[in-house]
């Protein structure tokens, strides 16, 4: 059986640990004050973003990656993955259940339109699908977004969960 003294820190070792921490933070402060600079590894914001993107926009959007020779099977697999791994749980759940239900039935033109929809910011897709935000003109006549909106209503009142990959 382990003794309790083994598990407790002795007072001297806590004092030594505190002294060591203070010393290392003092050394770091001295080094940074000698340089008189903030040591940000990326001080220039322009190198963090695409040149096409306006830094002040609320939803920074990078231009989509061109995929000229992508087969329909690869496109379908990529779109299923991108539907699930969006970054916002609400949109992940909505689009992953939508893709599981409809994507395998889509033609190539419909897959292209869905691919363009996935290039939009997550919250915009979610708000358009739930009719919390008006759609922009480029998406007003979209059959795919109409289907996503209809899917978001969950008329069957099913308990939705993330589909398996």
C-alpha atoms as a PDB file:
ATOM      1  CA  UNK A   1       0.000   0.000   0.000  1.00  0.00           C
ATOM      2  CA  UNK A   2       1.299   3.457  -0.896  1.00  0.00           C
ATOM      3  CA  UNK A   3       1.924   5.793   1.937  1.00  0.00           C
ATOM      4  CA  UNK A   4       0.241   9.197   1.910  1.00  0.00           C
ATOM      5  CA  UNK A   5       3.600  11.002   2.311  1.00  0.00           C
ATOM      6  CA  UNK A   6       4.626   9.708  -1.097  1.00  0.00           C
ATOM      7  CA  UNK A   7       1.604  11.348  -2.717  1.00  0.00           C
ATOM      8  CA  UNK A   8       1.978  14.734  -0.977  1.00  0.00           C
ATOM      9  CA  UNK A   9       4.516  17.317  -2.027  1.00  0.00           C
ATOM     10  CA  UNK A  10       6.921  18.365   0.630  1.00  0.00           C
ATOM     11  CA  UNK A  11       6.927  22.079   1.490  1.00  0.00           C
ATOM     12  CA  UNK A  12      10.544  22.505   0.298  1.00  0.00           C
ATOM     13  CA  UNK A  13       9.763  21.060  -3.136  1.00  0.00           C
ATOM     14  CA  UNK A  14       6.788  23.396  -3.621  1.00  0.00           C
ATOM     15  CA  UNK A  15       8.961  26.365  -2.693  1.00  0.00           C
ATOM     16  CA  UNK A  16      11.636  25.202  -5.139  1.00  0.00           C
ATOM     17  CA  UNK A  17       9.035  24.754  -7.881  1.00  0.00           C
ATOM     18  CA  UNK A  18       7.663  28.262  -7.277  1.00  0.00           C
ATOM     19  CA  UNK A  19      11.180  29.746  -7.286  1.00  0.00           C
ATOM     20  CA  UNK A  20      12.008  27.955 -10.517  1.00  0.00           C
ATOM     21  CA  UNK A  21       8.770  29.214 -12.151  1.00  0.00           C
ATOM     22  CA  UNK A  22       9.429  32.803 -11.046  1.00  0.00           C
ATOM     23  CA  UNK A  23      13.011  32.625 -12.286  1.00  0.00           C
ATOM     24  CA  UNK A  24      11.999  31.284 -15.722  1.00  0.00           C
ATOM     25  CA  UNK A  25       9.257  33.906 -16.153  1.00  0.00           C
ATOM     26  CA  UNK A  26      11.707  36.663 -15.130  1.00  0.00           C
ATOM     27  CA  UNK A  27      14.201  35.412 -17.722  1.00  0.00           C
ATOM     28  CA  UNK A  28      11.508  35.433 -20.409  1.00  0.00           C
ATOM     29  CA  UNK A  29      10.486  38.979 -19.482  1.00  0.00           C
ATOM     30  CA  UNK A  30      14.089  40.175 -19.641  1.00  0.00           C
ATOM     31  CA  UNK A  31      14.572  38.594 -23.056  1.00  0.00           C
ATOM     32  CA  UNK A  32      11.401  40.121 -24.451  1.00  0.00           C
ATOM     33  CA  UNK A  33      12.123  43.562 -22.986  1.00  0.00           C
ATOM     34  CA  UNK A  34      15.612  43.520 -24.506  1.00  0.00           C
ATOM     35  CA  UNK A  35      14.111  43.089 -27.956  1.00  0.00           C
ATOM     36  CA  UNK A  36      11.458  45.780 -27.401  1.00  0.00           C
ATOM     37  CA  UNK A  37       9.208  43.789 -29.755  1.00  0.00           C
ATOM     38  CA  UNK A  38       6.181  41.628 -29.340  1.00  0.00           C
ATOM     39  CA  UNK A  39       7.297  38.107 -30.238  1.00  0.00           C
ATOM     40  CA  UNK A  40       4.308  37.164 -32.386  1.00  0.00           C
ATOM     41  CA  UNK A  41       5.297  34.414 -34.834  1.00  0.00           C
ATOM     42  CA  UNK A  42       2.918  35.950 -37.416  1.00  0.00           C
ATOM     43  CA  UNK A  43       3.071  39.713 -36.889  1.00  0.00           C
ATOM     44  CA  UNK A  44       1.846  40.598 -40.367  1.00  0.00           C
ATOM     45  CA  UNK A  45      -1.839  39.746 -40.786  1.00  0.00           C
ATOM     46  CA  UNK A  46      -1.567  39.870 -44.563  1.00  0.00           C
ATOM     47  CA  UNK A  47       0.434  36.622 -44.602  1.00  0.00           C
ATOM     48  CA  UNK A  48      -2.299  34.800 -42.645  1.00  0.00           C
ATOM     49  CA  UNK A  49      -5.029  35.323 -45.209  1.00  0.00           C
ATOM     50  CA  UNK A  50      -5.701  34.955 -48.871  1.00  0.00           C
ATOM     51  CA  UNK A  51      -5.063  38.153 -50.876  1.00  0.00           C
ATOM     52  CA  UNK A  52      -8.651  37.991 -52.226  1.00  0.00           C
ATOM     53  CA  UNK A  53     -10.119  38.152 -48.734  1.00  0.00           C
ATOM     54  CA  UNK A  54     -11.039  41.366 -46.988  1.00  0.00           C
ATOM     55  CA  UNK A  55      -9.797  41.085 -43.393  1.00  0.00           C
ATOM     56  CA  UNK A  56     -12.722  43.142 -42.087  1.00  0.00           C
ATOM     57  CA  UNK A  57     -15.421  40.768 -43.385  1.00  0.00           C
ATOM     58  CA  UNK A  58     -17.363  38.898 -40.679  1.00  0.00           C
ATOM     59  CA  UNK A  59     -16.973  35.558 -42.487  1.00  0.00           C
ATOM     60  CA  UNK A  60     -13.570  35.237 -44.108  1.00  0.00           C
ATOM     61  CA  UNK A  61     -13.989  33.038 -47.149  1.00  0.00           C
ATOM     62  CA  UNK A  62     -11.064  31.562 -49.004  1.00  0.00           C
ATOM     63  CA  UNK A  63     -11.578  30.881 -52.699  1.00  0.00           C
ATOM     64  CA  UNK A  64     -12.516  27.251 -53.436  1.00  0.00           C
ATOM     65  CA  UNK A  65      -9.828  24.847 -54.574  1.00  0.00           C
ATOM     66  CA  UNK A  66     -10.273  24.012 -58.277  1.00  0.00           C
ATOM     67  CA  UNK A  67     -10.706  20.292 -58.930  1.00  0.00           C
ATOM     68  CA  UNK A  68     -10.900  19.943 -62.730  1.00  0.00           C
ATOM     69  CA  UNK A  69     -10.353  16.164 -63.056  1.00  0.00           C
ATOM     70  CA  UNK A  70     -12.268  14.908 -60.036  1.00  0.00           C
ATOM     71  CA  UNK A  71     -14.380  11.825 -60.722  1.00  0.00           C
ATOM     72  CA  UNK A  72     -18.006  11.675 -59.626  1.00  0.00           C
ATOM     73  CA  UNK A  73     -17.229   9.011 -56.994  1.00  0.00           C
ATOM     74  CA  UNK A  74     -14.444  11.105 -55.463  1.00  0.00           C
ATOM     75  CA  UNK A  75     -16.606  14.211 -55.549  1.00  0.00           C
ATOM     76  CA  UNK A  76     -19.395  12.335 -53.785  1.00  0.00           C
ATOM     77  CA  UNK A  77     -17.023  11.036 -51.091  1.00  0.00           C
ATOM     78  CA  UNK A  78     -15.509  14.504 -50.579  1.00  0.00           C
ATOM     79  CA  UNK A  79     -18.917  16.165 -50.328  1.00  0.00           C
ATOM     80  CA  UNK A  80     -20.117  13.601 -47.772  1.00  0.00           C
ATOM     81  CA  UNK A  81     -17.021  14.282 -45.686  1.00  0.00           C
ATOM     82  CA  UNK A  82     -17.284  18.068 -46.054  1.00  0.00           C
ATOM     83  CA  UNK A  83     -20.952  17.926 -45.099  1.00  0.00           C
ATOM     84  CA  UNK A  84     -20.078  16.282 -41.823  1.00  0.00           C
ATOM     85  CA  UNK A  85     -16.894  18.160 -40.915  1.00  0.00           C
ATOM     86  CA  UNK A  86     -17.999  21.788 -41.171  1.00  0.00           C
ATOM     87  CA  UNK A  87     -16.884  23.095 -37.807  1.00  0.00           C
ATOM     88  CA  UNK A  88     -20.274  24.112 -36.426  1.00  0.00           C
ATOM     89  CA  UNK A  89     -22.279  21.304 -34.877  1.00  0.00           C
ATOM     90  CA  UNK A  90     -25.662  22.591 -36.053  1.00  0.00           C
ATOM     91  CA  UNK A  91     -24.562  22.769 -39.674  1.00  0.00           C
ATOM     92  CA  UNK A  92     -22.687  19.457 -39.349  1.00  0.00           C
ATOM     93  CA  UNK A  93     -25.850  17.709 -38.195  1.00  0.00           C
ATOM     94  CA  UNK A  94     -28.065  19.330 -40.814  1.00  0.00           C
ATOM     95  CA  UNK A  95     -25.777  18.739 -43.799  1.00  0.00           C
ATOM     96  CA  UNK A  96     -24.520  15.290 -42.801  1.00  0.00           C
ATOM     97  CA  UNK A  97     -28.061  13.908 -42.472  1.00  0.00           C
ATOM     98  CA  UNK A  98     -29.006  15.665 -45.717  1.00  0.00           C
ATOM     99  CA  UNK A  99     -26.024  14.187 -47.567  1.00  0.00           C
ATOM    100  CA  UNK A 100     -26.722  10.717 -46.211  1.00  0.00           C
ATOM    101  CA  UNK A 101     -30.296  10.915 -47.448  1.00  0.00           C
ATOM    102  CA  UNK A 102     -29.952  12.656 -50.831  1.00  0.00           C
ATOM    103  CA  UNK A 103     -26.406  12.936 -52.158  1.00  0.00           C
ATOM    104  CA  UNK A 104     -26.191   9.468 -53.727  1.00  0.00           C
ATOM    105  CA  UNK A 105     -29.280  10.335 -55.848  1.00  0.00           C
ATOM    106  CA  UNK A 106     -27.837  13.598 -57.237  1.00  0.00           C
ATOM    107  CA  UNK A 107     -26.707  14.100 -60.818  1.00  0.00           C
ATOM    108  CA  UNK A 108     -23.313  15.652 -61.561  1.00  0.00           C
ATOM    109  CA  UNK A 109     -24.865  19.120 -62.020  1.00  0.00           C
ATOM    110  CA  UNK A 110     -26.641  18.829 -58.648  1.00  0.00           C
ATOM    111  CA  UNK A 111     -23.398  17.728 -56.995  1.00  0.00           C
ATOM    112  CA  UNK A 112     -21.679  20.796 -58.484  1.00  0.00           C
ATOM    113  CA  UNK A 113     -24.386  23.070 -57.068  1.00  0.00           C
ATOM    114  CA  UNK A 114     -24.145  21.392 -53.645  1.00  0.00           C
ATOM    115  CA  UNK A 115     -20.357  21.810 -53.800  1.00  0.00           C
ATOM    116  CA  UNK A 116     -20.817  25.543 -54.379  1.00  0.00           C
ATOM    117  CA  UNK A 117     -23.234  25.689 -51.445  1.00  0.00           C
ATOM    118  CA  UNK A 118     -20.597  24.115 -49.196  1.00  0.00           C
ATOM    119  CA  UNK A 119     -18.236  26.958 -50.122  1.00  0.00           C
ATOM    120  CA  UNK A 120     -20.531  29.339 -48.234  1.00  0.00           C
ATOM    121  CA  UNK A 121     -19.932  30.129 -44.538  1.00  0.00           C
ATOM    122  CA  UNK A 122     -21.470  27.652 -42.089  1.00  0.00           C
ATOM    123  CA  UNK A 123     -23.703  30.064 -40.237  1.00  0.00           C
ATOM    124  CA  UNK A 124     -25.085  31.457 -43.489  1.00  0.00           C
ATOM    125  CA  UNK A 125     -26.036  27.959 -44.671  1.00  0.00           C
ATOM    126  CA  UNK A 126     -27.668  27.235 -41.322  1.00  0.00           C
ATOM    127  CA  UNK A 127     -29.610  30.504 -41.235  1.00  0.00           C
ATOM    128  CA  UNK A 128     -30.754  30.143 -44.854  1.00  0.00           C
ATOM    129  CA  UNK A 129     -31.843  26.548 -44.244  1.00  0.00           C
ATOM    130  CA  UNK A 130     -33.808  27.466 -41.135  1.00  0.00           C
ATOM    131  CA  UNK A 131     -35.236  30.655 -42.734  1.00  0.00           C
ATOM    132  CA  UNK A 132     -33.681  32.890 -40.073  1.00  0.00           C
ATOM    133  CA  UNK A 133     -31.882  34.911 -42.719  1.00  0.00           C
ATOM    134  CA  UNK A 134     -32.945  35.846 -46.221  1.00  0.00           C
ATOM    135  CA  UNK A 135     -31.102  34.090 -49.022  1.00  0.00           C
ATOM    136  CA  UNK A 136     -28.927  36.162 -51.332  1.00  0.00           C
ATOM    137  CA  UNK A 137     -30.007  36.467 -54.954  1.00  0.00           C
ATOM    138  CA  UNK A 138     -27.537  33.831 -56.150  1.00  0.00           C
ATOM    139  CA  UNK A 139     -29.295  31.179 -53.980  1.00  0.00           C
ATOM    140  CA  UNK A 140     -32.959  32.224 -54.301  1.00  0.00           C
ATOM    141  CA  UNK A 141     -33.707  29.805 -57.165  1.00  0.00           C
ATOM    142  CA  UNK A 142     -31.555  26.933 -55.923  1.00  0.00           C
ATOM    143  CA  UNK A 143     -33.305  23.548 -55.860  1.00  0.00           C
ATOM    144  CA  UNK A 144     -30.548  22.148 -53.656  1.00  0.00           C
ATOM    145  CA  UNK A 145     -30.951  24.840 -51.003  1.00  0.00           C
ATOM    146  CA  UNK A 146     -34.737  24.325 -51.209  1.00  0.00           C
ATOM    147  CA  UNK A 147     -34.140  20.650 -50.437  1.00  0.00           C
ATOM    148  CA  UNK A 148     -31.842  21.546 -47.517  1.00  0.00           C
ATOM    149  CA  UNK A 149     -34.527  23.927 -46.183  1.00  0.00           C
ATOM    150  CA  UNK A 150     -37.161  21.224 -46.444  1.00  0.00           C
ATOM    151  CA  UNK A 151     -34.843  18.729 -44.752  1.00  0.00           C
ATOM    152  CA  UNK A 152     -34.203  21.171 -41.891  1.00  0.00           C
ATOM    153  CA  UNK A 153     -37.929  21.230 -41.057  1.00  0.00           C
ATOM    154  CA  UNK A 154     -37.679  17.555 -40.015  1.00  0.00           C
ATOM    155  CA  UNK A 155     -41.348  16.878 -40.774  1.00  0.00           C
ATOM    156  CA  UNK A 156     -40.997  13.254 -39.668  1.00  0.00           C
ATOM    157  CA  UNK A 157     -39.947  14.552 -36.214  1.00  0.00           C
ATOM    158  CA  UNK A 158     -37.032  12.122 -36.077  1.00  0.00           C
ATOM    159  CA  UNK A 159     -34.314  12.463 -33.492  1.00  0.00           C
ATOM    160  CA  UNK A 160     -31.329  13.280 -35.665  1.00  0.00           C
ATOM    161  CA  UNK A 161     -27.831  12.075 -34.967  1.00  0.00           C
ATOM    162  CA  UNK A 162     -24.603  12.158 -36.892  1.00  0.00           C
ATOM    163  CA  UNK A 163     -24.481   9.366 -39.473  1.00  0.00           C
ATOM    164  CA  UNK A 164     -21.566   6.975 -39.418  1.00  0.00           C
ATOM    165  CA  UNK A 165     -18.765   7.719 -41.852  1.00  0.00           C
END
